[in-house]
């Protein structure tokens, strides 16, 4: 096809779209008669929307479960009179919650260093705190999983839709340049089908951005809950260590 034939072929395409759209101006008809590239953009945006809603639904359920498990474990922790019993119960649980893993990691490191004969309280508490922080970091990675995908979809979807719109409008005007008597009936359908790409881009982007911001807030709340538990548990261990050291000193003193 030569350069001279391109506008004529495009004009015939615009006339065909205008005639078919004149009979049926529905969104489905406009999508079916869009150019292949615009249809490809629309299909890609539909795929992004499906991925986005899959992440939204699954991650929403996951964050809700994590919050319930954290609240339930805190109730068990503060209601328990023996941390050793609680530790063995959590360690034997194959499906541990995030806060249980943090507790087990800290208590296990504390017990290990105590068995190794570490007497310095600061060294003992520092090792325990670091073990819990590492475990907390792993759990936060799980909580933040897939959130970058939501952010990416929310960022690029409008631009992908805009690309399809610009391409469709550009093709429509190139085609109309070869038509002597252009009417609104010929101009409207190609532009309308191009604008659908922008609408689909926004349809994919808006939920992704909305739920990304919502989930980031939930992750921050869970992170604060985990960190507060680490500080509270460290305080309890520090107090018990100090009390045991004081008892040992009293026993070693001559009466």
Protein backbone atom coordinates (compact mmCIF):
# COMPACT_ATOMS: atom_id res chain seq x y z
CA UNK A 1 0.00 0.00 0.00
CA UNK A 2 1.44 3.37 -1.03
CA UNK A 3 1.40 6.55 1.02
CA UNK A 4 -1.29 7.96 -1.26
CA UNK A 5 -3.54 4.95 -0.77
CA UNK A 6 -3.31 5.02 3.05
CA UNK A 7 -5.69 7.97 3.66
CA UNK A 8 -8.19 6.52 1.15
CA UNK A 9 -8.20 3.13 2.90
CA UNK A 10 -8.51 4.86 6.28
CA UNK A 11 -11.36 6.98 4.94
CA UNK A 12 -13.18 3.87 3.79
CA UNK A 13 -12.65 2.41 7.28
CA UNK A 14 -14.08 5.52 8.91
CA UNK A 15 -17.07 5.42 6.58
CA UNK A 16 -17.65 1.75 7.41
CA UNK A 17 -17.46 2.50 11.14
CA UNK A 18 -19.78 5.45 10.78
CA UNK A 19 -22.33 3.41 8.83
CA UNK A 20 -22.22 0.47 11.24
CA UNK A 21 -22.22 2.73 14.30
CA UNK A 22 -25.11 4.66 12.83
CA UNK A 23 -27.16 1.53 13.06
CA UNK A 24 -25.78 0.57 16.50
CA UNK A 25 -23.96 3.24 18.53
CA UNK A 26 -23.61 1.04 21.63
CA UNK A 27 -20.31 0.67 23.48
CA UNK A 28 -20.04 -2.96 22.38
CA UNK A 29 -20.39 -1.95 18.73
CA UNK A 30 -17.78 0.79 19.09
CA UNK A 31 -15.33 -1.64 20.67
CA UNK A 32 -15.93 -4.28 17.99
CA UNK A 33 -15.30 -1.75 15.20
CA UNK A 34 -12.24 -0.13 16.80
CA UNK A 35 -8.85 -0.39 15.12
CA UNK A 36 -6.73 -3.46 15.97
CA UNK A 37 -4.25 -1.40 17.99
CA UNK A 38 -7.00 0.27 20.04
CA UNK A 39 -8.63 -3.12 20.60
CA UNK A 40 -5.27 -4.45 21.78
CA UNK A 41 -4.99 -1.56 24.24
CA UNK A 42 -8.50 -2.26 25.52
CA UNK A 43 -7.76 -5.97 25.92
CA UNK A 44 -4.57 -5.19 27.85
CA UNK A 45 -6.47 -2.82 30.14
CA UNK A 46 -9.10 -5.50 30.80
CA UNK A 47 -6.28 -7.88 31.74
CA UNK A 48 -4.78 -5.29 34.11
CA UNK A 49 -8.21 -4.75 35.67
CA UNK A 50 -8.65 -8.49 36.26
CA UNK A 51 -5.20 -8.73 37.86
CA UNK A 52 -5.95 -5.68 39.99
CA UNK A 53 -9.26 -7.00 41.31
CA UNK A 54 -7.74 -10.42 41.99
CA UNK A 55 -5.06 -8.80 44.15
CA UNK A 56 -7.60 -6.52 45.83
CA UNK A 57 -9.86 -9.38 46.88
CA UNK A 58 -7.14 -11.85 47.92
CA UNK A 59 -4.92 -9.34 49.72
CA UNK A 60 -7.89 -7.77 51.47
CA UNK A 61 -8.82 -11.15 52.93
CA UNK A 62 -5.20 -11.81 53.90
CA UNK A 63 -4.81 -8.50 55.75
CA UNK A 64 -8.11 -9.03 57.55
CA UNK A 65 -6.98 -12.51 58.67
CA UNK A 66 -3.62 -11.16 59.85
CA UNK A 67 -5.32 -8.51 61.98
CA UNK A 68 -7.64 -11.05 63.59
CA UNK A 69 -4.75 -13.44 64.28
CA UNK A 70 -2.66 -10.65 65.82
CA UNK A 71 -5.50 -9.58 68.12
CA UNK A 72 -6.18 -13.20 69.11
CA UNK A 73 -2.53 -13.88 69.94
CA UNK A 74 -2.22 -10.70 72.01
CA UNK A 75 -5.20 -11.87 74.06
CA UNK A 76 -3.49 -15.23 74.58
CA UNK A 77 -0.18 -13.58 75.42
CA UNK A 78 -1.53 -11.24 78.07
CA UNK A 79 -3.82 -13.93 79.45
CA UNK A 80 -0.99 -16.45 79.84
CA UNK A 81 0.75 -16.80 83.18
CA UNK A 82 3.60 -18.98 81.85
CA UNK A 83 5.57 -17.86 78.79
CA UNK A 84 7.26 -21.27 78.53
CA UNK A 85 3.91 -22.99 78.08
CA UNK A 86 2.84 -20.38 75.55
CA UNK A 87 6.12 -20.80 73.65
CA UNK A 88 5.82 -24.58 73.39
CA UNK A 89 2.22 -24.24 72.27
CA UNK A 90 3.17 -21.76 69.54
CA UNK A 91 6.29 -23.67 68.47
CA UNK A 92 4.24 -26.82 67.96
CA UNK A 93 1.74 -24.98 65.77
CA UNK A 94 2.51 -25.55 62.08
CA UNK A 95 0.28 -22.70 60.91
CA UNK A 96 1.72 -19.89 62.99
CA UNK A 97 0.42 -16.36 62.70
CA UNK A 98 2.82 -13.47 62.09
CA UNK A 99 2.88 -12.39 65.74
CA UNK A 100 3.36 -15.98 66.88
CA UNK A 101 6.43 -16.24 64.64
CA UNK A 102 7.82 -13.02 66.13
CA UNK A 103 7.21 -14.31 69.66
CA UNK A 104 8.75 -17.71 68.93
CA UNK A 105 11.81 -16.13 67.29
CA UNK A 106 12.42 -13.84 70.26
CA UNK A 107 11.82 -16.43 72.96
CA UNK A 108 13.93 -19.03 71.12
CA UNK A 109 16.87 -16.65 70.79
CA UNK A 110 16.53 -15.58 74.42
CA UNK A 111 16.53 -19.21 75.61
CA UNK A 112 19.46 -20.12 73.34
CA UNK A 113 21.65 -17.26 74.57
CA UNK A 114 20.68 -18.07 78.15
CA UNK A 115 21.75 -21.69 77.67
CA UNK A 116 25.02 -20.54 76.10
CA UNK A 117 25.84 -18.76 79.35
CA UNK A 118 25.38 -15.15 78.23
CA UNK A 119 25.28 -13.19 81.47
CA UNK A 120 25.34 -9.61 80.23
CA UNK A 121 21.78 -8.32 80.25
CA UNK A 122 22.30 -5.83 77.43
CA UNK A 123 23.82 -8.47 75.17
CA UNK A 124 21.01 -10.87 75.99
CA UNK A 125 18.27 -8.33 75.27
CA UNK A 126 19.97 -6.98 72.15
CA UNK A 127 20.17 -10.46 70.60
CA UNK A 128 16.54 -11.18 71.47
CA UNK A 129 15.37 -7.85 70.06
CA UNK A 130 17.29 -8.35 66.81
CA UNK A 131 15.80 -11.82 66.33
CA UNK A 132 12.29 -10.43 66.68
CA UNK A 133 13.03 -7.52 64.34
CA UNK A 134 14.28 -9.90 61.64
CA UNK A 135 11.15 -12.02 61.99
CA UNK A 136 9.00 -8.88 61.90
CA UNK A 137 10.72 -7.73 58.70
CA UNK A 138 9.94 -11.06 57.03
CA UNK A 139 6.28 -10.77 57.98
CA UNK A 140 6.10 -7.20 56.70
CA UNK A 141 7.46 -8.38 53.36
CA UNK A 142 4.54 -10.79 53.15
CA UNK A 143 2.08 -8.04 54.09
CA UNK A 144 3.45 -5.72 51.39
CA UNK A 145 3.48 -8.45 48.75
CA UNK A 146 1.57 -7.48 45.54
CA UNK A 147 1.09 -3.88 46.71
CA UNK A 148 3.71 -2.61 44.21
CA UNK A 149 1.70 -4.33 41.46
CA UNK A 150 -1.41 -2.38 42.49
CA UNK A 151 0.61 0.84 42.51
CA UNK A 152 2.00 0.09 39.04
CA UNK A 153 -1.43 -0.66 37.58
CA UNK A 154 -2.83 2.51 39.13
CA UNK A 155 0.02 4.55 37.68
CA UNK A 156 0.26 3.25 34.11
CA UNK A 157 -3.35 2.36 33.25
CA UNK A 158 -4.49 5.95 32.50
CA UNK A 159 -1.49 6.49 30.22
CA UNK A 160 -2.08 3.23 28.38
CA UNK A 161 -5.72 4.23 27.87
CA UNK A 162 -4.63 7.70 26.77
CA UNK A 163 -2.26 6.15 24.24
CA UNK A 164 -5.14 4.18 22.73
CA UNK A 165 -7.29 7.31 22.63
CA UNK A 166 -4.61 9.43 20.97
CA UNK A 167 -3.91 6.74 18.41
CA UNK A 168 -7.61 6.30 17.63
CA UNK A 169 -8.26 10.03 17.26
CA UNK A 170 -5.13 10.48 15.17
CA UNK A 171 -6.20 7.65 12.85
CA UNK A 172 -9.70 9.13 12.60
CA UNK A 173 -8.45 12.58 11.60
CA UNK A 174 -6.00 11.11 9.09
CA UNK A 175 -8.87 9.21 7.55
CA UNK A 176 -11.16 12.25 7.52
CA UNK A 177 -8.55 14.26 5.66
CA UNK A 178 -9.33 12.14 2.58
CA UNK A 179 -13.07 12.73 2.84
CA UNK A 180 -14.47 15.76 1.05
CA UNK A 181 -17.70 16.16 2.98
CA UNK A 182 -17.04 15.12 6.59
CA UNK A 183 -20.11 15.07 8.82
CA UNK A 184 -20.61 14.69 12.54
CA UNK A 185 -21.95 11.18 11.93
CA UNK A 186 -18.58 10.26 10.42
CA UNK A 187 -16.46 11.99 13.07
CA UNK A 188 -18.30 10.95 16.23
CA UNK A 189 -18.02 7.11 16.16
CA UNK A 190 -14.20 6.88 15.66
CA UNK A 191 -13.57 9.47 18.36
CA UNK A 192 -16.07 7.79 20.70
CA UNK A 193 -14.41 4.40 20.27
CA UNK A 194 -11.03 6.01 20.98
CA UNK A 195 -12.31 7.66 24.15
CA UNK A 196 -13.48 4.27 25.43
CA UNK A 197 -9.81 3.37 25.86
CA UNK A 198 -9.34 6.28 28.27
CA UNK A 199 -12.46 5.26 30.20
CA UNK A 200 -11.17 1.69 30.49
CA UNK A 201 -7.79 3.00 31.67
CA UNK A 202 -9.49 4.95 34.44
CA UNK A 203 -11.67 1.94 35.29
CA UNK A 204 -8.51 -0.11 35.84
CA UNK A 205 -6.57 2.64 37.65
CA UNK A 206 -9.08 4.07 40.13
CA UNK A 207 -9.77 0.86 42.15
CA UNK A 208 -6.05 0.00 42.12
CA UNK A 209 -5.04 3.38 43.57
CA UNK A 210 -7.94 3.42 46.03
CA UNK A 211 -7.24 0.00 47.51
CA UNK A 212 -3.46 0.49 47.38
CA UNK A 213 -3.76 3.50 49.68
CA UNK A 214 -6.21 1.63 51.90
CA UNK A 215 -3.97 -1.43 52.20
CA UNK A 216 -0.89 0.67 52.90
CA UNK A 217 -2.69 2.15 55.91
CA UNK A 218 -3.66 -1.34 57.10
CA UNK A 219 -0.07 -2.59 56.71
CA UNK A 220 1.21 0.39 58.70
CA UNK A 221 -1.26 -0.37 61.50
CA UNK A 222 -0.18 -4.02 61.60
CA UNK A 223 3.48 -2.97 61.59
CA UNK A 224 2.87 -0.69 64.58
CA UNK A 225 1.05 -3.53 66.35
CA UNK A 226 3.99 -5.89 65.73
CA UNK A 227 6.58 -3.34 66.86
CA UNK A 228 4.59 -2.50 69.98
CA UNK A 229 4.42 -6.18 70.84
CA UNK A 230 8.20 -6.50 70.35
CA UNK A 231 8.79 -3.60 72.74
CA UNK A 232 6.33 -4.96 75.31
CA UNK A 233 7.77 -8.49 75.15
CA UNK A 234 11.31 -7.13 75.40
CA UNK A 235 10.29 -5.14 78.48
CA UNK A 236 8.90 -8.28 80.13
CA UNK A 237 12.05 -10.28 79.36
CA UNK A 238 14.24 -7.43 80.55
CA UNK A 239 12.32 -7.18 83.81
CA UNK A 240 12.48 -10.96 84.38
CA UNK A 241 16.20 -11.01 83.59
CA UNK A 242 16.86 -8.20 86.03
CA UNK A 243 14.81 -9.92 88.72
CA UNK A 244 16.64 -13.23 88.22
CA UNK A 245 20.01 -11.47 88.33
CA UNK A 246 19.05 -9.76 91.57
CA UNK A 247 18.01 -13.09 93.12
CA UNK A 248 21.30 -14.65 92.04
CA UNK A 249 23.27 -11.80 93.61
CA UNK A 250 21.39 -12.16 96.90
CA UNK A 251 22.07 -15.89 97.00
CA UNK A 252 25.75 -15.31 96.38
CA UNK A 253 26.07 -12.85 99.24
CA UNK A 254 27.17 -14.25 102.62
CA UNK A 255 24.49 -14.17 105.28
